[in-house]
Full PDB file with SEQRES, HELIX, SHEET, SSBOND, CRYST1, ORIGX, SCALE, CONECT and MASTER records, all heavy atoms in Angstrom:
SEQRES   1 A   32  GLN LYS ILE PRO THR LEU GLN ASP GLY GLU LEU VAL LEU          
SEQRES   2 A   32  SER GLU SER ALA ALA ILE VAL ASN TYR LEU THR THR ALA          
SEQRES   3 A   32  TYR GLY ALA GLN ASN ASN                                      
HELIX    1 AA1 SER A   16  TYR A   27  1                                  12    
HELIX    2 AA2 ALA A   29  ASN A   31  5                                   3    
SHEET    1 AA1 2 THR A   5  ASP A   8  0                                        
SHEET    2 AA1 2 LEU A  11  SER A  14 -1                                        
CRYST1    1.000    1.000    1.000  90.00  90.00  90.00 P 1           1          
ORIGX1      1.000000  0.000000  0.000000        0.00000                         
ORIGX2      0.000000  1.000000  0.000000        0.00000                         
ORIGX3      0.000000  0.000000  1.000000        0.00000                         
SCALE1      1.000000  0.000000  0.000000        0.00000                         
SCALE2      0.000000  1.000000  0.000000        0.00000                         
SCALE3      0.000000  0.000000  1.000000        0.00000                         
ATOM      1  N   GLN A   1     -21.864  22.995   7.245  1.00  0.00           N  
ATOM      2  CA  GLN A   1     -20.495  23.363   7.639  1.00  0.00           C  
ATOM      3  C   GLN A   1     -19.523  23.325   6.456  1.00  0.00           C  
ATOM      4  O   GLN A   1     -18.320  23.169   6.624  1.00  0.00           O  
ATOM      5  CB  GLN A   1     -19.991  22.471   8.780  1.00  0.00           C  
ATOM      6  CG  GLN A   1     -20.829  22.594  10.041  1.00  0.00           C  
ATOM      7  CD  GLN A   1     -20.355  21.709  11.162  1.00  0.00           C  
ATOM      8  OE1 GLN A   1     -19.875  20.593  10.939  1.00  0.00           O  
ATOM      9  NE2 GLN A   1     -20.486  22.196  12.396  1.00  0.00           N  
ATOM     10  N   LYS A   2     -20.067  23.503   5.259  1.00  0.00           N  
ATOM     11  CA  LYS A   2     -19.242  23.570   4.059  1.00  0.00           C  
ATOM     12  C   LYS A   2     -18.994  25.028   3.692  1.00  0.00           C  
ATOM     13  O   LYS A   2     -19.693  25.930   4.144  1.00  0.00           O  
ATOM     14  CB  LYS A   2     -19.923  22.850   2.889  1.00  0.00           C  
ATOM     15  CG  LYS A   2     -20.213  21.375   3.120  1.00  0.00           C  
ATOM     16  CD  LYS A   2     -18.940  20.558   3.143  1.00  0.00           C  
ATOM     17  CE  LYS A   2     -19.250  19.069   3.220  1.00  0.00           C  
ATOM     18  NZ  LYS A   2     -18.019  18.249   3.183  1.00  0.00           N  
ATOM     19  N   ILE A   3     -17.975  25.258   2.891  1.00  0.00           N  
ATOM     20  CA  ILE A   3     -17.720  26.598   2.363  1.00  0.00           C  
ATOM     21  C   ILE A   3     -17.792  26.529   0.847  1.00  0.00           C  
ATOM     22  O   ILE A   3     -17.505  25.486   0.258  1.00  0.00           O  
ATOM     23  CB  ILE A   3     -16.347  27.145   2.831  1.00  0.00           C  
ATOM     24  CG1 ILE A   3     -15.207  26.169   2.462  1.00  0.00           C  
ATOM     25  CG2 ILE A   3     -16.367  27.446   4.309  1.00  0.00           C  
ATOM     26  CD1 ILE A   3     -13.812  26.697   2.770  1.00  0.00           C  
ATOM     27  N   PRO A   4     -18.261  27.659   0.224  1.00  0.00           N  
ATOM     28  CA  PRO A   4     -18.522  28.995   0.753  1.00  0.00           C  
ATOM     29  C   PRO A   4     -19.958  29.171   1.234  1.00  0.00           C  
ATOM     30  O   PRO A   4     -20.829  28.344   0.981  1.00  0.00           O  
ATOM     31  CB  PRO A   4     -18.281  29.876  -0.468  1.00  0.00           C  
ATOM     32  CG  PRO A   4     -18.796  29.038  -1.606  1.00  0.00           C  
ATOM     33  CD  PRO A   4     -18.395  27.619  -1.246  1.00  0.00           C  
ATOM     34  N   THR A   5     -20.156  30.305   1.914  1.00  0.00           N  
ATOM     35  CA  THR A   5     -21.488  30.824   2.209  1.00  0.00           C  
ATOM     36  C   THR A   5     -21.483  32.314   1.906  1.00  0.00           C  
ATOM     37  O   THR A   5     -20.500  33.002   2.191  1.00  0.00           O  
ATOM     38  CB  THR A   5     -21.873  30.580   3.675  1.00  0.00           C  
ATOM     39  OG1 THR A   5     -21.995  29.163   3.891  1.00  0.00           O  
ATOM     40  CG2 THR A   5     -23.188  31.252   4.030  1.00  0.00           C  
ATOM     41  N   LEU A   6     -22.559  32.791   1.324  1.00  0.00           N  
ATOM     42  CA  LEU A   6     -22.732  34.207   1.034  1.00  0.00           C  
ATOM     43  C   LEU A   6     -23.825  34.777   1.917  1.00  0.00           C  
ATOM     44  O   LEU A   6     -24.899  34.182   2.051  1.00  0.00           O  
ATOM     45  CB  LEU A   6     -23.123  34.404  -0.438  1.00  0.00           C  
ATOM     46  CG  LEU A   6     -23.597  35.815  -0.839  1.00  0.00           C  
ATOM     47  CD1 LEU A   6     -22.443  36.813  -0.784  1.00  0.00           C  
ATOM     48  CD2 LEU A   6     -24.252  35.806  -2.212  1.00  0.00           C  
ATOM     49  N   GLN A   7     -23.545  35.919   2.525  1.00  0.00           N  
ATOM     50  CA  GLN A   7     -24.577  36.727   3.170  1.00  0.00           C  
ATOM     51  C   GLN A   7     -24.758  37.999   2.360  1.00  0.00           C  
ATOM     52  O   GLN A   7     -23.789  38.711   2.085  1.00  0.00           O  
ATOM     53  CB  GLN A   7     -24.165  37.098   4.598  1.00  0.00           C  
ATOM     54  CG  GLN A   7     -24.210  35.957   5.592  1.00  0.00           C  
ATOM     55  CD  GLN A   7     -23.806  36.426   6.979  1.00  0.00           C  
ATOM     56  OE1 GLN A   7     -22.638  36.328   7.343  1.00  0.00           O  
ATOM     57  NE2 GLN A   7     -24.771  36.920   7.744  1.00  0.00           N  
ATOM     58  N   ASP A   8     -25.986  38.260   1.972  1.00  0.00           N  
ATOM     59  CA  ASP A   8     -26.326  39.501   1.271  1.00  0.00           C  
ATOM     60  C   ASP A   8     -27.507  40.100   2.006  1.00  0.00           C  
ATOM     61  O   ASP A   8     -28.661  39.732   1.767  1.00  0.00           O  
ATOM     62  CB  ASP A   8     -26.674  39.212  -0.186  1.00  0.00           C  
ATOM     63  CG  ASP A   8     -26.983  40.490  -0.966  1.00  0.00           C  
ATOM     64  OD1 ASP A   8     -26.875  41.589  -0.384  1.00  0.00           O  
ATOM     65  OD2 ASP A   8     -27.329  40.399  -2.156  1.00  0.00           O  
ATOM     66  N   GLY A   9     -27.214  41.023   2.929  1.00  0.00           N  
ATOM     67  CA  GLY A   9     -28.275  41.515   3.787  1.00  0.00           C  
ATOM     68  C   GLY A   9     -28.842  40.374   4.605  1.00  0.00           C  
ATOM     69  O   GLY A   9     -28.113  39.668   5.304  1.00  0.00           O  
ATOM     70  N   GLU A  10     -30.135  40.143   4.485  1.00  0.00           N  
ATOM     71  CA  GLU A  10     -30.799  39.077   5.245  1.00  0.00           C  
ATOM     72  C   GLU A  10     -30.687  37.718   4.565  1.00  0.00           C  
ATOM     73  O   GLU A  10     -30.964  36.689   5.179  1.00  0.00           O  
ATOM     74  CB  GLU A  10     -32.278  39.416   5.453  1.00  0.00           C  
ATOM     75  CG  GLU A  10     -32.520  40.665   6.287  1.00  0.00           C  
ATOM     76  CD  GLU A  10     -31.945  40.532   7.687  1.00  0.00           C  
ATOM     77  OE1 GLU A  10     -32.166  39.489   8.320  1.00  0.00           O  
ATOM     78  OE2 GLU A  10     -31.277  41.490   8.133  1.00  0.00           O  
ATOM     79  N   LEU A  11     -30.279  37.707   3.313  1.00  0.00           N  
ATOM     80  CA  LEU A  11     -30.187  36.446   2.576  1.00  0.00           C  
ATOM     81  C   LEU A  11     -28.911  35.706   2.944  1.00  0.00           C  
ATOM     82  O   LEU A  11     -27.819  36.284   2.962  1.00  0.00           O  
ATOM     83  CB  LEU A  11     -30.190  36.710   1.069  1.00  0.00           C  
ATOM     84  CG  LEU A  11     -29.981  35.485   0.169  1.00  0.00           C  
ATOM     85  CD1 LEU A  11     -31.178  34.545   0.260  1.00  0.00           C  
ATOM     86  CD2 LEU A  11     -29.735  35.908  -1.271  1.00  0.00           C  
ATOM     87  N   VAL A  12     -29.046  34.416   3.216  1.00  0.00           N  
ATOM     88  CA  VAL A  12     -27.898  33.533   3.451  1.00  0.00           C  
ATOM     89  C   VAL A  12     -27.985  32.415   2.426  1.00  0.00           C  
ATOM     90  O   VAL A  12     -29.001  31.724   2.319  1.00  0.00           O  
ATOM     91  CB  VAL A  12     -27.911  32.950   4.879  1.00  0.00           C  
ATOM     92  CG1 VAL A  12     -26.730  31.997   5.069  1.00  0.00           C  
ATOM     93  CG2 VAL A  12     -27.860  34.065   5.915  1.00  0.00           C  
ATOM     94  N   LEU A  13     -26.899  32.243   1.668  1.00  0.00           N  
ATOM     95  CA  LEU A  13     -26.927  31.302   0.557  1.00  0.00           C  
ATOM     96  C   LEU A  13     -25.647  30.486   0.553  1.00  0.00           C  
ATOM     97  O   LEU A  13     -24.546  31.033   0.668  1.00  0.00           O  
ATOM     98  CB  LEU A  13     -27.050  32.077  -0.758  1.00  0.00           C  
ATOM     99  CG  LEU A  13     -27.348  31.306  -2.041  1.00  0.00           C  
ATOM    100  CD1 LEU A  13     -28.704  30.620  -1.941  1.00  0.00           C  
ATOM    101  CD2 LEU A  13     -27.307  32.250  -3.239  1.00  0.00           C  
ATOM    102  N   SER A  14     -25.777  29.183   0.414  1.00  0.00           N  
ATOM    103  CA  SER A  14     -24.626  28.295   0.267  1.00  0.00           C  
ATOM    104  C   SER A  14     -24.683  27.631  -1.104  1.00  0.00           C  
ATOM    105  O   SER A  14     -25.587  27.891  -1.894  1.00  0.00           O  
ATOM    106  CB  SER A  14     -24.602  27.247   1.390  1.00  0.00           C  
ATOM    107  OG  SER A  14     -25.766  26.439   1.346  1.00  0.00           O  
ATOM    108  N   GLU A  15     -23.699  26.775  -1.383  1.00  0.00           N  
ATOM    109  CA  GLU A  15     -23.510  26.088  -2.656  1.00  0.00           C  
ATOM    110  C   GLU A  15     -22.959  27.057  -3.696  1.00  0.00           C  
ATOM    111  O   GLU A  15     -23.628  28.021  -4.092  1.00  0.00           O  
ATOM    112  CB  GLU A  15     -24.785  25.416  -3.162  1.00  0.00           C  
ATOM    113  CG  GLU A  15     -25.379  24.407  -2.199  1.00  0.00           C  
ATOM    114  CD  GLU A  15     -24.431  23.262  -1.879  1.00  0.00           C  
ATOM    115  OE1 GLU A  15     -23.623  22.873  -2.756  1.00  0.00           O  
ATOM    116  OE2 GLU A  15     -24.488  22.748  -0.744  1.00  0.00           O  
ATOM    117  N   SER A  16     -21.748  26.782  -4.151  1.00  0.00           N  
ATOM    118  CA  SER A  16     -21.022  27.736  -4.992  1.00  0.00           C  
ATOM    119  C   SER A  16     -21.753  28.058  -6.291  1.00  0.00           C  
ATOM    120  O   SER A  16     -21.784  29.214  -6.719  1.00  0.00           O  
ATOM    121  CB  SER A  16     -19.611  27.219  -5.285  1.00  0.00           C  
ATOM    122  OG  SER A  16     -19.634  25.977  -5.973  1.00  0.00           O  
ATOM    123  N   ALA A  17     -22.350  27.064  -6.934  1.00  0.00           N  
ATOM    124  CA  ALA A  17     -23.055  27.328  -8.190  1.00  0.00           C  
ATOM    125  C   ALA A  17     -24.281  28.200  -7.951  1.00  0.00           C  
ATOM    126  O   ALA A  17     -24.597  29.090  -8.750  1.00  0.00           O  
ATOM    127  CB  ALA A  17     -23.462  26.025  -8.863  1.00  0.00           C  
ATOM    128  N   ALA A  18     -24.989  27.953  -6.842  1.00  0.00           N  
ATOM    129  CA  ALA A  18     -26.153  28.774  -6.510  1.00  0.00           C  
ATOM    130  C   ALA A  18     -25.733  30.217  -6.239  1.00  0.00           C  
ATOM    131  O   ALA A  18     -26.433  31.168  -6.632  1.00  0.00           O  
ATOM    132  CB  ALA A  18     -26.877  28.193  -5.304  1.00  0.00           C  
ATOM    133  N   ILE A  19     -24.591  30.394  -5.583  1.00  0.00           N  
ATOM    134  CA  ILE A  19     -24.092  31.741  -5.298  1.00  0.00           C  
ATOM    135  C   ILE A  19     -23.755  32.465  -6.591  1.00  0.00           C  
ATOM    136  O   ILE A  19     -24.123  33.629  -6.783  1.00  0.00           O  
ATOM    137  CB  ILE A  19     -22.868  31.665  -4.361  1.00  0.00           C  
ATOM    138  CG1 ILE A  19     -23.299  31.206  -2.964  1.00  0.00           C  
ATOM    139  CG2 ILE A  19     -22.154  33.012  -4.291  1.00  0.00           C  
ATOM    140  CD1 ILE A  19     -22.154  30.874  -2.032  1.00  0.00           C  
ATOM    141  N   VAL A  20     -23.071  31.784  -7.504  1.00  0.00           N  
ATOM    142  CA  VAL A  20     -22.734  32.402  -8.795  1.00  0.00           C  
ATOM    143  C   VAL A  20     -23.999  32.783  -9.552  1.00  0.00           C  
ATOM    144  O   VAL A  20     -24.110  33.897 -10.093  1.00  0.00           O  
ATOM    145  CB  VAL A  20     -21.854  31.456  -9.633  1.00  0.00           C  
ATOM    146  CG1 VAL A  20     -21.730  31.958 -11.072  1.00  0.00           C  
ATOM    147  CG2 VAL A  20     -20.472  31.325  -9.005  1.00  0.00           C  
ATOM    148  N   ASN A  21     -24.971  31.889  -9.596  1.00  0.00           N  
ATOM    149  CA  ASN A  21     -26.214  32.185 -10.313  1.00  0.00           C  
ATOM    150  C   ASN A  21     -26.962  33.349  -9.670  1.00  0.00           C  
ATOM    151  O   ASN A  21     -27.526  34.202 -10.373  1.00  0.00           O  
ATOM    152  CB  ASN A  21     -27.110  30.949 -10.364  1.00  0.00           C  
ATOM    153  CG  ASN A  21     -26.652  29.951 -11.408  1.00  0.00           C  
ATOM    154  OD1 ASN A  21     -25.776  30.240 -12.223  1.00  0.00           O  
ATOM    155  ND2 ASN A  21     -27.226  28.764 -11.375  1.00  0.00           N  
ATOM    156  N   TYR A  22     -26.981  33.387  -8.348  1.00  0.00           N  
ATOM    157  CA  TYR A  22     -27.647  34.484  -7.661  1.00  0.00           C  
ATOM    158  C   TYR A  22     -26.969  35.815  -7.967  1.00  0.00           C  
ATOM    159  O   TYR A  22     -27.638  36.799  -8.309  1.00  0.00           O  
ATOM    160  CB  TYR A  22     -27.652  34.241  -6.151  1.00  0.00           C  
ATOM    161  CG  TYR A  22     -28.062  35.472  -5.375  1.00  0.00           C  
ATOM    162  CD1 TYR A  22     -29.381  35.916  -5.374  1.00  0.00           C  
ATOM    163  CD2 TYR A  22     -27.111  36.217  -4.665  1.00  0.00           C  
ATOM    164  CE1 TYR A  22     -29.750  37.062  -4.685  1.00  0.00           C  
ATOM    165  CE2 TYR A  22     -27.470  37.366  -3.973  1.00  0.00           C  
ATOM    166  CZ  TYR A  22     -28.793  37.782  -3.987  1.00  0.00           C  
ATOM    167  OH  TYR A  22     -29.152  38.923  -3.320  1.00  0.00           O  
ATOM    168  N   LEU A  23     -25.648  35.859  -7.843  1.00  0.00           N  
ATOM    169  CA  LEU A  23     -24.934  37.119  -8.050  1.00  0.00           C  
ATOM    170  C   LEU A  23     -25.118  37.642  -9.464  1.00  0.00           C  
ATOM    171  O   LEU A  23     -25.356  38.840  -9.673  1.00  0.00           O  
ATOM    172  CB  LEU A  23     -23.450  36.935  -7.742  1.00  0.00           C  
ATOM    173  CG  LEU A  23     -23.094  36.709  -6.272  1.00  0.00           C  
ATOM    174  CD1 LEU A  23     -21.608  36.354  -6.133  1.00  0.00           C  
ATOM    175  CD2 LEU A  23     -23.429  37.931  -5.430  1.00  0.00           C  
ATOM    176  N   THR A  24     -25.010  36.751 -10.440  1.00  0.00           N  
ATOM    177  CA  THR A  24     -25.138  37.212 -11.825  1.00  0.00           C  
ATOM    178  C   THR A  24     -26.578  37.568 -12.172  1.00  0.00           C  
ATOM    179  O   THR A  24     -26.816  38.471 -12.980  1.00  0.00           O  
ATOM    180  CB  THR A  24     -24.590  36.165 -12.801  1.00  0.00           C  
ATOM    181  OG1 THR A  24     -25.221  34.895 -12.572  1.00  0.00           O  
ATOM    182  CG2 THR A  24     -23.079  36.003 -12.645  1.00  0.00           C  
ATOM    183  N   THR A  25     -27.545  36.883 -11.560  1.00  0.00           N  
ATOM    184  CA  THR A  25     -28.951  37.216 -11.794  1.00  0.00           C  
ATOM    185  C   THR A  25     -29.314  38.535 -11.132  1.00  0.00           C  
ATOM    186  O   THR A  25     -29.970  39.404 -11.731  1.00  0.00           O  
ATOM    187  CB  THR A  25     -29.866  36.098 -11.262  1.00  0.00           C  
ATOM    188  OG1 THR A  25     -29.559  34.870 -11.933  1.00  0.00           O  
ATOM    189  CG2 THR A  25     -31.332  36.435 -11.484  1.00  0.00           C  
ATOM    190  N   ALA A  26     -28.899  38.699  -9.878  1.00  0.00           N  
ATOM    191  CA  ALA A  26     -29.303  39.873  -9.106  1.00  0.00           C  
ATOM    192  C   ALA A  26     -28.537  41.128  -9.490  1.00  0.00           C  
ATOM    193  O   ALA A  26     -29.099  42.224  -9.495  1.00  0.00           O  
ATOM    194  CB  ALA A  26     -29.128  39.588  -7.611  1.00  0.00           C  
ATOM    195  N   TYR A  27     -27.236  40.964  -9.825  1.00  0.00           N  
ATOM    196  CA  TYR A  27     -26.384  42.134  -9.977  1.00  0.00           C  
ATOM    197  C   TYR A  27     -25.623  42.173 -11.304  1.00  0.00           C  
ATOM    198  O   TYR A  27     -24.819  43.075 -11.520  1.00  0.00           O  
ATOM    199  CB  TYR A  27     -25.372  42.180  -8.830  1.00  0.00           C  
ATOM    200  CG  TYR A  27     -26.000  42.255  -7.467  1.00  0.00           C  
ATOM    201  CD1 TYR A  27     -25.997  41.147  -6.621  1.00  0.00           C  
ATOM    202  CD2 TYR A  27     -26.587  43.429  -7.014  1.00  0.00           C  
ATOM    203  CE1 TYR A  27     -26.563  41.215  -5.354  1.00  0.00           C  
ATOM    204  CE2 TYR A  27     -27.158  43.508  -5.750  1.00  0.00           C  
ATOM    205  CZ  TYR A  27     -27.144  42.393  -4.917  1.00  0.00           C  
ATOM    206  OH  TYR A  27     -27.709  42.468  -3.679  1.00  0.00           O  
ATOM    207  N   GLY A  28     -25.860  41.218 -12.181  1.00  0.00           N  
ATOM    208  CA  GLY A  28     -25.035  41.121 -13.378  1.00  0.00           C  
ATOM    209  C   GLY A  28     -25.497  41.908 -14.577  1.00  0.00           C  
ATOM    210  O   GLY A  28     -24.769  41.994 -15.568  1.00  0.00           O  
ATOM    211  N   ALA A  29     -26.676  42.497 -14.525  1.00  0.00           N  
ATOM    212  CA  ALA A  29     -27.226  43.134 -15.723  1.00  0.00           C  
ATOM    213  C   ALA A  29     -26.352  44.263 -16.239  1.00  0.00           C  
ATOM    214  O   ALA A  29     -26.139  44.403 -17.445  1.00  0.00           O  
ATOM    215  CB  ALA A  29     -28.644  43.646 -15.443  1.00  0.00           C  
ATOM    216  N   GLN A  30     -25.824  45.089 -15.346  1.00  0.00           N  
ATOM    217  CA  GLN A  30     -25.076  46.251 -15.811  1.00  0.00           C  
ATOM    218  C   GLN A  30     -23.760  45.863 -16.491  1.00  0.00           C  
ATOM    219  O   GLN A  30     -23.205  46.643 -17.272  1.00  0.00           O  
ATOM    220  CB  GLN A  30     -24.803  47.216 -14.662  1.00  0.00           C  
ATOM    221  CG  GLN A  30     -23.829  46.725 -13.613  1.00  0.00           C  
ATOM    222  CD  GLN A  30     -23.655  47.742 -12.494  1.00  0.00           C  
ATOM    223  OE1 GLN A  30     -24.601  48.398 -12.073  1.00  0.00           O  
ATOM    224  NE2 GLN A  30     -22.434  47.891 -12.010  1.00  0.00           N  
ATOM    225  N   ASN A  31     -23.262  44.653 -16.203  1.00  0.00           N  
ATOM    226  CA  ASN A  31     -22.062  44.160 -16.869  1.00  0.00           C  
ATOM    227  C   ASN A  31     -22.367  43.075 -17.898  1.00  0.00           C  
ATOM    228  O   ASN A  31     -21.457  42.394 -18.368  1.00  0.00           O  
ATOM    229  CB  ASN A  31     -21.068  43.624 -15.841  1.00  0.00           C  
ATOM    230  CG  ASN A  31     -20.526  44.710 -14.933  1.00  0.00           C  
ATOM    231  OD1 ASN A  31     -20.465  45.876 -15.320  1.00  0.00           O  
ATOM    232  ND2 ASN A  31     -20.143  44.348 -13.724  1.00  0.00           N  
ATOM    233  N   ASN A  32     -23.651  42.903 -18.219  1.00  0.00           N  
ATOM    234  CA  ASN A  32     -24.095  41.910 -19.193  1.00  0.00           C  
ATOM    235  C   ASN A  32     -23.671  40.501 -18.790  1.00  0.00           C  
ATOM    236  O   ASN A  32     -23.246  39.699 -19.617  1.00  0.00           O  
ATOM    237  CB  ASN A  32     -23.564  42.235 -20.598  1.00  0.00           C  
ATOM    238  CG  ASN A  32     -24.357  41.544 -21.695  1.00  0.00           C  
ATOM    239  OD1 ASN A  32     -25.535  41.216 -21.521  1.00  0.00           O  
ATOM    240  ND2 ASN A  32     -23.716  41.312 -22.832  1.00  0.00           N  
TER     241      ASN A  32                                                      
MASTER        0    0    0    2    2    0    0    6  240    1    0    3          
END                                                                             
């Protein structure tokens, strides 16, 4: 019951640092 939570399609991810790492790993290549 903490915030934030990210939903990306079927993936549900909590913990802010994990969300940042996921976003930059999955989608960050085009922006380096």
